[in-house]
Amino acid sequence: MTQEVICTTIDEIESIPQEMLPMLVLGANNMSFLSWAIERRTQSHYAHLMWLHRPGFFATQDLWYKESPVSKYKGVRLKLWYNKTWRQQDKIQILYRINAELEKSKWETRYDFLAILGQLIGKIHIESPWSNICSDWANLLKLSDPDYDLQHPSPGDVNQWLKEHPKYACYTRYLPD
């Protein structure tokens, strides 16, 4: 069993080796009003979900699903999760899907603003069937874990679900200065 490691620098996250990936990543930007509002509304410590899919790069839902360098998140609190039981083929399935989504057009992977409206008014079923918000990408867990059963989760919901399933472990946390 890998013991949780506290990464003190963003460089240490950038250097997590490919054989450890993918990792689901939760984040919170203490300098962002939107992050604060999401955390407050969902009563969680996290406002964003993404995947560390290759060394130094996150796959993340912005205005569209895109790859973003880890270095861009230097001021963001991060928590990285992994599954201790994943076989190589499980990891490959998730990585293949992430890469396939990253290859799609901006229009095909656009942000689901309708879902945010639904979240704000407490009607989580309101969403576009053609778009995603960041926490929808936790559904990639279903590719290798039939136990994953969250519908329309917030990043905090995903964090809680991962804590309740012992096959998942926090690999590291990053706390910016």
N, C-alpha and C. Protein backbone atom coordinates (compact mmCIF):
# COMPACT_ATOMS: atom_id res chain seq x y z
N MET A 1 0.84 -1.19 0.00
CA MET A 1 0.00 0.00 0.00
C MET A 1 0.88 1.24 0.00
N THR A 2 0.59 2.16 -0.89
CA THR A 2 1.34 3.41 -0.96
C THR A 2 0.82 4.36 0.10
N GLN A 3 1.73 4.92 0.87
CA GLN A 3 1.34 5.88 1.88
C GLN A 3 1.21 7.25 1.25
N GLU A 4 0.25 8.04 1.73
CA GLU A 4 0.05 9.38 1.19
C GLU A 4 1.31 10.20 1.34
N VAL A 5 1.63 10.93 0.30
CA VAL A 5 2.81 11.79 0.28
C VAL A 5 2.32 13.22 0.13
N ILE A 6 2.81 14.11 0.95
CA ILE A 6 2.47 15.52 0.79
C ILE A 6 3.52 16.14 -0.14
N CYS A 7 3.05 16.59 -1.29
CA CYS A 7 3.96 17.25 -2.23
C CYS A 7 4.09 18.71 -1.83
N THR A 8 5.29 19.13 -1.68
CA THR A 8 5.51 20.51 -1.24
C THR A 8 5.66 21.46 -2.41
N THR A 9 5.89 20.92 -3.60
CA THR A 9 6.03 21.79 -4.76
C THR A 9 5.20 21.24 -5.92
N ILE A 10 4.85 22.13 -6.81
CA ILE A 10 4.11 21.73 -8.01
C ILE A 10 5.01 20.86 -8.88
N ASP A 11 6.33 21.05 -8.80
CA ASP A 11 7.27 20.23 -9.57
C ASP A 11 7.15 18.75 -9.20
N GLU A 12 6.88 18.47 -7.94
CA GLU A 12 6.74 17.08 -7.52
C GLU A 12 5.49 16.44 -8.14
N ILE A 13 4.43 17.21 -8.29
CA ILE A 13 3.24 16.69 -8.96
C ILE A 13 3.53 16.49 -10.45
N GLU A 14 4.24 17.43 -11.03
CA GLU A 14 4.60 17.31 -12.45
C GLU A 14 5.44 16.06 -12.73
N SER A 15 6.16 15.60 -11.73
CA SER A 15 7.07 14.46 -11.95
C SER A 15 6.48 13.12 -11.51
N ILE A 16 5.19 13.06 -11.20
CA ILE A 16 4.58 11.76 -10.90
C ILE A 16 4.68 10.93 -12.17
N PRO A 17 5.23 9.72 -12.08
CA PRO A 17 5.50 8.93 -13.29
C PRO A 17 4.23 8.39 -13.96
N GLN A 18 4.31 8.18 -15.26
CA GLN A 18 3.18 7.70 -16.05
C GLN A 18 2.60 6.40 -15.50
N GLU A 19 3.43 5.51 -14.97
CA GLU A 19 2.91 4.23 -14.47
C GLU A 19 1.96 4.40 -13.28
N MET A 20 1.96 5.55 -12.63
CA MET A 20 1.03 5.83 -11.53
C MET A 20 -0.30 6.40 -12.03
N LEU A 21 -0.36 6.78 -13.30
CA LEU A 21 -1.52 7.50 -13.84
C LEU A 21 -2.50 6.56 -14.53
N PRO A 22 -3.76 6.98 -14.58
CA PRO A 22 -4.32 8.29 -14.27
C PRO A 22 -4.62 8.44 -12.78
N MET A 23 -4.73 9.70 -12.37
CA MET A 23 -5.17 10.04 -11.02
C MET A 23 -6.28 11.07 -11.13
N LEU A 24 -7.32 10.86 -10.35
CA LEU A 24 -8.40 11.83 -10.27
C LEU A 24 -7.93 12.94 -9.34
N VAL A 25 -8.16 14.18 -9.72
CA VAL A 25 -7.64 15.32 -8.97
C VAL A 25 -8.79 16.25 -8.58
N LEU A 26 -8.82 16.61 -7.32
CA LEU A 26 -9.78 17.60 -6.82
C LEU A 26 -9.01 18.87 -6.49
N GLY A 27 -9.64 20.01 -6.76
CA GLY A 27 -8.94 21.27 -6.52
C GLY A 27 -9.83 22.36 -5.97
N ALA A 28 -9.19 23.34 -5.37
CA ALA A 28 -9.88 24.53 -4.86
C ALA A 28 -8.92 25.70 -4.96
N ASN A 29 -9.39 26.75 -5.58
CA ASN A 29 -8.58 27.95 -5.76
C ASN A 29 -9.04 28.99 -4.74
N ASN A 30 -8.25 29.19 -3.72
CA ASN A 30 -8.61 30.12 -2.65
C ASN A 30 -8.69 31.57 -3.11
N MET A 31 -8.19 31.87 -4.30
CA MET A 31 -8.21 33.23 -4.81
C MET A 31 -9.35 33.47 -5.81
N SER A 32 -10.21 32.48 -5.99
CA SER A 32 -11.27 32.57 -6.98
C SER A 32 -12.64 32.68 -6.32
N PHE A 33 -13.41 33.68 -6.71
CA PHE A 33 -14.76 33.82 -6.19
C PHE A 33 -15.62 32.64 -6.62
N LEU A 34 -15.48 32.19 -7.87
CA LEU A 34 -16.26 31.06 -8.35
C LEU A 34 -15.97 29.80 -7.54
N SER A 35 -14.71 29.54 -7.28
CA SER A 35 -14.32 28.38 -6.48
C SER A 35 -14.94 28.49 -5.08
N TRP A 36 -14.84 29.65 -4.48
CA TRP A 36 -15.42 29.86 -3.16
C TRP A 36 -16.93 29.62 -3.18
N ALA A 37 -17.61 30.14 -4.21
CA ALA A 37 -19.06 29.99 -4.31
C ALA A 37 -19.47 28.52 -4.46
N ILE A 38 -18.71 27.77 -5.27
CA ILE A 38 -19.01 26.35 -5.45
C ILE A 38 -18.80 25.60 -4.14
N GLU A 39 -17.69 25.88 -3.47
CA GLU A 39 -17.41 25.22 -2.19
C GLU A 39 -18.51 25.52 -1.18
N ARG A 40 -18.93 26.77 -1.14
CA ARG A 40 -19.97 27.18 -0.19
C ARG A 40 -21.31 26.52 -0.53
N ARG A 41 -21.67 26.52 -1.81
CA ARG A 41 -22.96 25.95 -2.23
C ARG A 41 -23.01 24.45 -1.99
N THR A 42 -21.89 23.76 -2.24
CA THR A 42 -21.86 22.30 -2.10
C THR A 42 -21.39 21.85 -0.72
N GLN A 43 -21.05 22.80 0.14
CA GLN A 43 -20.55 22.52 1.48
C GLN A 43 -19.39 21.52 1.44
N SER A 44 -18.41 21.87 0.62
CA SER A 44 -17.27 21.00 0.37
C SER A 44 -15.99 21.81 0.42
N HIS A 45 -14.88 21.10 0.45
CA HIS A 45 -13.56 21.75 0.40
C HIS A 45 -13.03 21.85 -1.01
N TYR A 46 -13.78 21.30 -1.98
CA TYR A 46 -13.29 21.24 -3.36
C TYR A 46 -14.31 21.81 -4.33
N ALA A 47 -13.81 22.45 -5.39
CA ALA A 47 -14.68 23.10 -6.36
C ALA A 47 -14.40 22.64 -7.79
N HIS A 48 -13.39 21.81 -7.99
CA HIS A 48 -13.03 21.40 -9.35
C HIS A 48 -12.55 19.96 -9.34
N LEU A 49 -12.79 19.27 -10.46
CA LEU A 49 -12.35 17.89 -10.64
C LEU A 49 -11.70 17.78 -12.01
N MET A 50 -10.58 17.10 -12.07
CA MET A 50 -9.86 16.88 -13.33
C MET A 50 -9.05 15.60 -13.20
N TRP A 51 -8.35 15.25 -14.25
CA TRP A 51 -7.53 14.03 -14.27
C TRP A 51 -6.08 14.37 -14.58
N LEU A 52 -5.15 13.84 -13.79
CA LEU A 52 -3.74 13.87 -14.16
C LEU A 52 -3.57 12.67 -15.08
N HIS A 53 -3.41 12.94 -16.37
CA HIS A 53 -3.43 11.84 -17.33
C HIS A 53 -2.07 11.56 -17.97
N ARG A 54 -1.18 12.48 -17.84
CA ARG A 54 0.20 12.26 -18.26
C ARG A 54 1.07 13.18 -17.42
N PRO A 55 2.34 12.82 -17.23
CA PRO A 55 3.18 13.65 -16.37
C PRO A 55 3.16 15.12 -16.78
N GLY A 56 2.83 15.96 -15.81
CA GLY A 56 2.84 17.39 -16.04
C GLY A 56 1.58 17.98 -16.64
N PHE A 57 0.54 17.14 -16.90
CA PHE A 57 -0.65 17.67 -17.57
C PHE A 57 -1.95 17.11 -17.01
N PHE A 58 -2.88 18.03 -16.78
CA PHE A 58 -4.24 17.66 -16.39
C PHE A 58 -5.15 17.68 -17.62
N ALA A 59 -6.14 16.82 -17.62
CA ALA A 59 -7.27 16.91 -18.55
C ALA A 59 -8.37 17.54 -17.72
N THR A 60 -8.88 18.70 -18.16
CA THR A 60 -9.77 19.48 -17.31
C THR A 60 -10.89 20.13 -18.11
N GLN A 61 -12.03 20.24 -17.49
CA GLN A 61 -13.17 20.92 -18.12
C GLN A 61 -13.06 22.41 -17.83
N ASP A 62 -12.77 23.16 -18.85
CA ASP A 62 -12.77 24.61 -18.79
C ASP A 62 -13.99 25.03 -19.61
N LEU A 63 -13.89 26.03 -20.43
CA LEU A 63 -15.00 26.33 -21.34
C LEU A 63 -15.20 25.15 -22.30
N TRP A 64 -14.16 24.34 -22.49
CA TRP A 64 -14.22 23.07 -23.21
C TRP A 64 -13.24 22.14 -22.52
N TYR A 65 -13.32 20.84 -22.82
CA TYR A 65 -12.41 19.85 -22.22
C TYR A 65 -11.06 19.99 -22.89
N LYS A 66 -10.03 20.22 -22.10
CA LYS A 66 -8.72 20.48 -22.67
C LYS A 66 -7.62 20.00 -21.75
N GLU A 67 -6.43 19.99 -22.30
CA GLU A 67 -5.24 19.66 -21.52
C GLU A 67 -4.66 20.95 -20.99
N SER A 68 -4.23 20.92 -19.74
CA SER A 68 -3.68 22.12 -19.12
C SER A 68 -2.46 21.72 -18.30
N PRO A 69 -1.38 22.51 -18.37
CA PRO A 69 -0.18 22.14 -17.62
C PRO A 69 -0.41 22.24 -16.11
N VAL A 70 0.18 21.31 -15.39
CA VAL A 70 0.10 21.31 -13.93
C VAL A 70 0.59 22.64 -13.37
N SER A 71 1.59 23.23 -13.99
CA SER A 71 2.17 24.48 -13.50
C SER A 71 1.15 25.61 -13.41
N LYS A 72 0.09 25.53 -14.20
CA LYS A 72 -0.96 26.55 -14.16
C LYS A 72 -1.71 26.54 -12.81
N TYR A 73 -1.60 25.45 -12.07
CA TYR A 73 -2.35 25.28 -10.82
C TYR A 73 -1.48 25.50 -9.59
N LYS A 74 -0.45 26.28 -9.74
CA LYS A 74 0.49 26.55 -8.65
C LYS A 74 -0.18 27.15 -7.42
N GLY A 75 -1.23 27.95 -7.60
CA GLY A 75 -1.92 28.57 -6.48
C GLY A 75 -3.19 27.85 -6.05
N VAL A 76 -3.37 26.62 -6.52
CA VAL A 76 -4.61 25.87 -6.26
C VAL A 76 -4.32 24.71 -5.31
N ARG A 77 -5.17 24.55 -4.31
CA ARG A 77 -5.07 23.41 -3.40
C ARG A 77 -5.52 22.17 -4.16
N LEU A 78 -4.70 21.09 -4.13
CA LEU A 78 -4.97 19.89 -4.91
C LEU A 78 -4.95 18.64 -4.04
N LYS A 79 -5.77 17.68 -4.41
CA LYS A 79 -5.80 16.37 -3.77
C LYS A 79 -5.87 15.34 -4.89
N LEU A 80 -4.90 14.43 -4.94
CA LEU A 80 -4.81 13.45 -6.01
C LEU A 80 -5.16 12.06 -5.49
N TRP A 81 -6.09 11.41 -6.17
CA TRP A 81 -6.57 10.08 -5.80
C TRP A 81 -6.14 9.04 -6.84
N TYR A 82 -5.91 7.81 -6.37
CA TYR A 82 -5.66 6.71 -7.29
C TYR A 82 -6.36 5.47 -6.76
N ASN A 83 -6.50 4.47 -7.63
CA ASN A 83 -7.13 3.21 -7.26
C ASN A 83 -6.02 2.17 -7.09
N LYS A 84 -5.95 1.60 -5.90
CA LYS A 84 -4.89 0.65 -5.58
C LYS A 84 -5.05 -0.69 -6.30
N THR A 85 -6.24 -0.96 -6.83
CA THR A 85 -6.52 -2.26 -7.45
C THR A 85 -6.53 -2.24 -8.97
N TRP A 86 -6.35 -1.06 -9.57
CA TRP A 86 -6.40 -0.99 -11.02
C TRP A 86 -5.29 -1.82 -11.66
N ARG A 87 -5.69 -2.59 -12.65
CA ARG A 87 -4.73 -3.30 -13.48
C ARG A 87 -4.32 -2.36 -14.60
N GLN A 88 -3.31 -2.74 -15.33
CA GLN A 88 -2.84 -1.91 -16.43
C GLN A 88 -3.96 -1.65 -17.44
N GLN A 89 -4.77 -2.65 -17.74
CA GLN A 89 -5.84 -2.46 -18.72
C GLN A 89 -6.90 -1.49 -18.22
N ASP A 90 -7.14 -1.42 -16.90
CA ASP A 90 -8.07 -0.44 -16.34
C ASP A 90 -7.56 0.98 -16.59
N LYS A 91 -6.29 1.16 -16.31
CA LYS A 91 -5.68 2.48 -16.52
C LYS A 91 -5.72 2.87 -18.00
N ILE A 92 -5.42 1.91 -18.86
CA ILE A 92 -5.42 2.19 -20.30
C ILE A 92 -6.81 2.59 -20.78
N GLN A 93 -7.84 1.93 -20.29
CA GLN A 93 -9.22 2.27 -20.68
C GLN A 93 -9.53 3.73 -20.36
N ILE A 94 -9.20 4.14 -19.15
CA ILE A 94 -9.49 5.52 -18.74
C ILE A 94 -8.64 6.50 -19.54
N LEU A 95 -7.36 6.21 -19.68
CA LEU A 95 -6.48 7.11 -20.45
C LEU A 95 -6.91 7.21 -21.91
N TYR A 96 -7.34 6.11 -22.48
CA TYR A 96 -7.81 6.12 -23.87
C TYR A 96 -9.02 7.04 -24.01
N ARG A 97 -9.95 6.93 -23.08
CA ARG A 97 -11.16 7.76 -23.14
C ARG A 97 -10.83 9.24 -22.94
N ILE A 98 -9.94 9.53 -21.99
CA ILE A 98 -9.53 10.92 -21.78
C ILE A 98 -8.92 11.48 -23.07
N ASN A 99 -8.01 10.74 -23.67
CA ASN A 99 -7.36 11.22 -24.89
C ASN A 99 -8.34 11.36 -26.04
N ALA A 100 -9.31 10.46 -26.13
CA ALA A 100 -10.33 10.57 -27.17
C ALA A 100 -11.17 11.83 -26.97
N GLU A 101 -11.50 12.15 -25.75
CA GLU A 101 -12.27 13.36 -25.45
C GLU A 101 -11.45 14.62 -25.75
N LEU A 102 -10.17 14.57 -25.45
CA LEU A 102 -9.31 15.72 -25.72
C LEU A 102 -9.16 15.99 -27.21
N GLU A 103 -9.33 14.97 -28.03
CA GLU A 103 -9.24 15.11 -29.48
C GLU A 103 -10.49 15.74 -30.09
N LYS A 104 -11.59 15.75 -29.35
CA LYS A 104 -12.84 16.30 -29.88
C LYS A 104 -12.77 17.82 -29.97
N SER A 105 -13.69 18.38 -30.74
CA SER A 105 -13.72 19.83 -30.93
C SER A 105 -14.18 20.55 -29.66
N LYS A 106 -13.92 21.83 -29.63
CA LYS A 106 -14.38 22.66 -28.51
C LYS A 106 -15.89 22.59 -28.39
N TRP A 107 -16.58 22.60 -29.50
CA TRP A 107 -18.05 22.56 -29.48
C TRP A 107 -18.53 21.24 -28.85
N GLU A 108 -17.87 20.13 -29.19
CA GLU A 108 -18.29 18.82 -28.69
C GLU A 108 -18.01 18.66 -27.19
N THR A 109 -17.06 19.42 -26.66
CA THR A 109 -16.70 19.25 -25.25
C THR A 109 -16.94 20.53 -24.45
N ARG A 110 -17.87 21.34 -24.92
CA ARG A 110 -18.15 22.62 -24.26
C ARG A 110 -18.69 22.42 -22.83
N TYR A 111 -18.55 23.48 -22.07
CA TYR A 111 -18.99 23.49 -20.68
C TYR A 111 -20.52 23.50 -20.60
N ASP A 112 -21.05 22.82 -19.60
CA ASP A 112 -22.51 22.73 -19.43
C ASP A 112 -22.98 23.82 -18.45
N PHE A 113 -23.25 24.98 -19.00
CA PHE A 113 -23.72 26.10 -18.17
C PHE A 113 -25.11 25.83 -17.60
N LEU A 114 -25.92 25.06 -18.30
CA LEU A 114 -27.25 24.70 -17.82
C LEU A 114 -27.15 23.89 -16.52
N ALA A 115 -26.18 23.00 -16.44
CA ALA A 115 -25.99 22.21 -15.22
C ALA A 115 -25.61 23.09 -14.03
N ILE A 116 -24.83 24.12 -14.28
CA ILE A 116 -24.46 25.03 -13.19
C ILE A 116 -25.71 25.74 -12.66
N LEU A 117 -26.57 26.14 -13.58
CA LEU A 117 -27.84 26.74 -13.16
C LEU A 117 -28.62 25.74 -12.30
N GLY A 118 -28.71 24.50 -12.75
CA GLY A 118 -29.39 23.46 -11.97
C GLY A 118 -28.77 23.27 -10.60
N GLN A 119 -27.44 23.27 -10.54
CA GLN A 119 -26.75 23.14 -9.26
C GLN A 119 -27.08 24.31 -8.34
N LEU A 120 -27.08 25.52 -8.89
CA LEU A 120 -27.34 26.71 -8.09
C LEU A 120 -28.73 26.72 -7.47
N ILE A 121 -29.72 26.22 -8.20
CA ILE A 121 -31.09 26.23 -7.68
C ILE A 121 -31.49 24.91 -7.03
N GLY A 122 -30.51 24.00 -6.90
CA GLY A 122 -30.77 22.74 -6.21
C GLY A 122 -31.50 21.70 -7.04
N LYS A 123 -31.50 21.86 -8.34
CA LYS A 123 -32.15 20.90 -9.25
C LYS A 123 -31.06 20.24 -10.10
N ILE A 124 -30.36 19.25 -9.51
CA ILE A 124 -29.18 18.69 -10.16
C ILE A 124 -29.49 17.92 -11.43
N HIS A 125 -30.74 17.59 -11.65
CA HIS A 125 -31.09 16.88 -12.88
C HIS A 125 -31.17 17.80 -14.09
N ILE A 126 -31.14 19.11 -13.87
CA ILE A 126 -31.15 20.06 -14.99
C ILE A 126 -29.74 20.12 -15.56
N GLU A 127 -29.62 19.68 -16.80
CA GLU A 127 -28.32 19.69 -17.47
C GLU A 127 -28.52 19.44 -18.95
N SER A 128 -27.49 19.73 -19.71
CA SER A 128 -27.50 19.44 -21.14
C SER A 128 -26.96 18.04 -21.35
N PRO A 129 -27.61 17.22 -22.16
CA PRO A 129 -27.08 15.88 -22.42
C PRO A 129 -25.84 15.89 -23.31
N TRP A 130 -25.49 17.04 -23.88
CA TRP A 130 -24.37 17.13 -24.82
C TRP A 130 -23.14 17.80 -24.22
N SER A 131 -23.21 18.22 -22.97
CA SER A 131 -22.11 18.97 -22.36
C SER A 131 -21.80 18.42 -20.98
N ASN A 132 -20.69 18.87 -20.41
CA ASN A 132 -20.26 18.42 -19.09
C ASN A 132 -19.84 19.59 -18.21
N ILE A 133 -19.93 19.36 -16.91
CA ILE A 133 -19.23 20.19 -15.94
C ILE A 133 -18.07 19.35 -15.43
N CYS A 134 -17.16 19.95 -14.72
CA CYS A 134 -15.93 19.24 -14.34
C CYS A 134 -16.19 17.93 -13.62
N SER A 135 -17.13 17.91 -12.69
CA SER A 135 -17.32 16.70 -11.90
C SER A 135 -17.99 15.57 -12.68
N ASP A 136 -18.56 15.88 -13.84
CA ASP A 136 -19.10 14.80 -14.69
C ASP A 136 -18.00 13.86 -15.15
N TRP A 137 -16.76 14.35 -15.21
CA TRP A 137 -15.66 13.50 -15.68
C TRP A 137 -15.28 12.42 -14.67
N ALA A 138 -15.82 12.47 -13.47
CA ALA A 138 -15.63 11.36 -12.53
C ALA A 138 -16.29 10.10 -13.07
N ASN A 139 -17.25 10.26 -13.98
CA ASN A 139 -17.91 9.09 -14.58
C ASN A 139 -16.93 8.17 -15.31
N LEU A 140 -15.75 8.65 -15.60
CA LEU A 140 -14.74 7.77 -16.21
C LEU A 140 -14.39 6.62 -15.28
N LEU A 141 -14.64 6.78 -13.99
CA LEU A 141 -14.40 5.68 -13.05
C LEU A 141 -15.24 4.45 -13.41
N LYS A 142 -16.41 4.67 -14.01
CA LYS A 142 -17.28 3.55 -14.39
C LYS A 142 -16.62 2.61 -15.38
N LEU A 143 -15.65 3.09 -16.12
CA LEU A 143 -14.97 2.24 -17.10
C LEU A 143 -14.25 1.06 -16.44
N SER A 144 -13.83 1.23 -15.19
CA SER A 144 -13.11 0.16 -14.51
C SER A 144 -13.65 -0.15 -13.12
N ASP A 145 -14.69 0.56 -12.72
CA ASP A 145 -15.24 0.33 -11.39
C ASP A 145 -16.77 0.34 -11.44
N PRO A 146 -17.38 -0.85 -11.47
CA PRO A 146 -18.84 -0.92 -11.53
C PRO A 146 -19.53 -0.38 -10.27
N ASP A 147 -18.78 -0.18 -9.21
CA ASP A 147 -19.36 0.35 -7.97
C ASP A 147 -19.62 1.85 -8.04
N TYR A 148 -18.98 2.54 -8.98
CA TYR A 148 -19.17 3.99 -9.05
C TYR A 148 -20.61 4.26 -9.51
N ASP A 149 -21.35 4.98 -8.67
CA ASP A 149 -22.78 5.14 -8.93
C ASP A 149 -23.30 6.56 -8.73
N LEU A 150 -22.44 7.54 -8.67
CA LEU A 150 -22.89 8.91 -8.44
C LEU A 150 -23.53 9.49 -9.70
N GLN A 151 -24.61 10.21 -9.51
CA GLN A 151 -25.29 10.90 -10.60
C GLN A 151 -25.21 12.41 -10.33
N HIS A 152 -24.71 13.17 -11.28
CA HIS A 152 -24.62 14.63 -11.16
C HIS A 152 -23.88 15.06 -9.89
N PRO A 153 -22.70 14.49 -9.63
CA PRO A 153 -22.02 14.81 -8.37
C PRO A 153 -21.32 16.16 -8.40
N SER A 154 -21.07 16.69 -7.25
CA SER A 154 -20.17 17.83 -7.09
C SER A 154 -18.78 17.25 -6.82
N PRO A 155 -17.73 18.05 -6.92
CA PRO A 155 -16.40 17.54 -6.56
C PRO A 155 -16.38 17.02 -5.11
N GLY A 156 -17.10 17.67 -4.22
CA GLY A 156 -17.17 17.21 -2.83
C GLY A 156 -17.85 15.86 -2.70
N ASP A 157 -18.89 15.62 -3.51
CA ASP A 157 -19.56 14.31 -3.51
C ASP A 157 -18.58 13.22 -3.94
N VAL A 158 -17.79 13.51 -4.96
CA VAL A 158 -16.81 12.53 -5.45
C VAL A 158 -15.76 12.28 -4.37
N ASN A 159 -15.28 13.33 -3.72
CA ASN A 159 -14.31 13.17 -2.64
C ASN A 159 -14.85 12.25 -1.55
N GLN A 160 -16.08 12.48 -1.15
CA GLN A 160 -16.69 11.66 -0.10
C GLN A 160 -16.83 10.21 -0.56
N TRP A 161 -17.26 10.00 -1.80
CA TRP A 161 -17.42 8.65 -2.33
C TRP A 161 -16.08 7.92 -2.33
N LEU A 162 -15.02 8.60 -2.77
CA LEU A 162 -13.69 7.99 -2.79
C LEU A 162 -13.23 7.61 -1.39
N LYS A 163 -13.50 8.46 -0.41
CA LYS A 163 -13.12 8.16 0.97
C LYS A 163 -13.84 6.94 1.51
N GLU A 164 -15.04 6.68 1.03
CA GLU A 164 -15.85 5.56 1.50
C GLU A 164 -15.52 4.23 0.81
N HIS A 165 -14.65 4.25 -0.17
CA HIS A 165 -14.29 3.05 -0.92
C HIS A 165 -12.79 2.79 -0.76
N PRO A 166 -12.44 1.80 0.07
CA PRO A 166 -11.04 1.58 0.44
C PRO A 166 -10.08 1.26 -0.71
N LYS A 167 -10.60 0.88 -1.87
CA LYS A 167 -9.69 0.61 -2.99
C LYS A 167 -9.09 1.89 -3.54
N TYR A 168 -9.65 3.04 -3.13
CA TYR A 168 -9.11 4.33 -3.54
C TYR A 168 -8.31 4.91 -2.38
N ALA A 169 -7.23 5.59 -2.74
CA ALA A 169 -6.40 6.21 -1.71
C ALA A 169 -5.93 7.57 -2.21
N CYS A 170 -5.76 8.46 -1.27
CA CYS A 170 -5.18 9.76 -1.59
C CYS A 170 -3.68 9.55 -1.77
N TYR A 171 -3.19 9.87 -2.95
CA TYR A 171 -1.77 9.73 -3.22
C TYR A 171 -0.99 10.90 -2.63
N THR A 172 -1.54 12.10 -2.80
CA THR A 172 -0.87 13.28 -2.29
C THR A 172 -1.82 14.45 -2.21
N ARG A 173 -1.42 15.44 -1.48
CA ARG A 173 -2.09 16.74 -1.42
C ARG A 173 -1.05 17.81 -1.66
N TYR A 174 -1.48 18.86 -2.32
CA TYR A 174 -0.59 19.99 -2.56
C TYR A 174 -1.27 21.22 -1.95
N LEU A 175 -0.55 21.90 -1.09
CA LEU A 175 -1.06 23.10 -0.45
C LEU A 175 -0.16 24.27 -0.82
N PRO A 176 -0.67 25.19 -1.62
CA PRO A 176 0.18 26.33 -2.04
C PRO A 176 0.49 27.26 -0.88
N ASP A 177 1.55 28.01 -1.03
CA ASP A 177 1.91 29.00 0.01
C ASP A 177 0.85 30.07 0.09
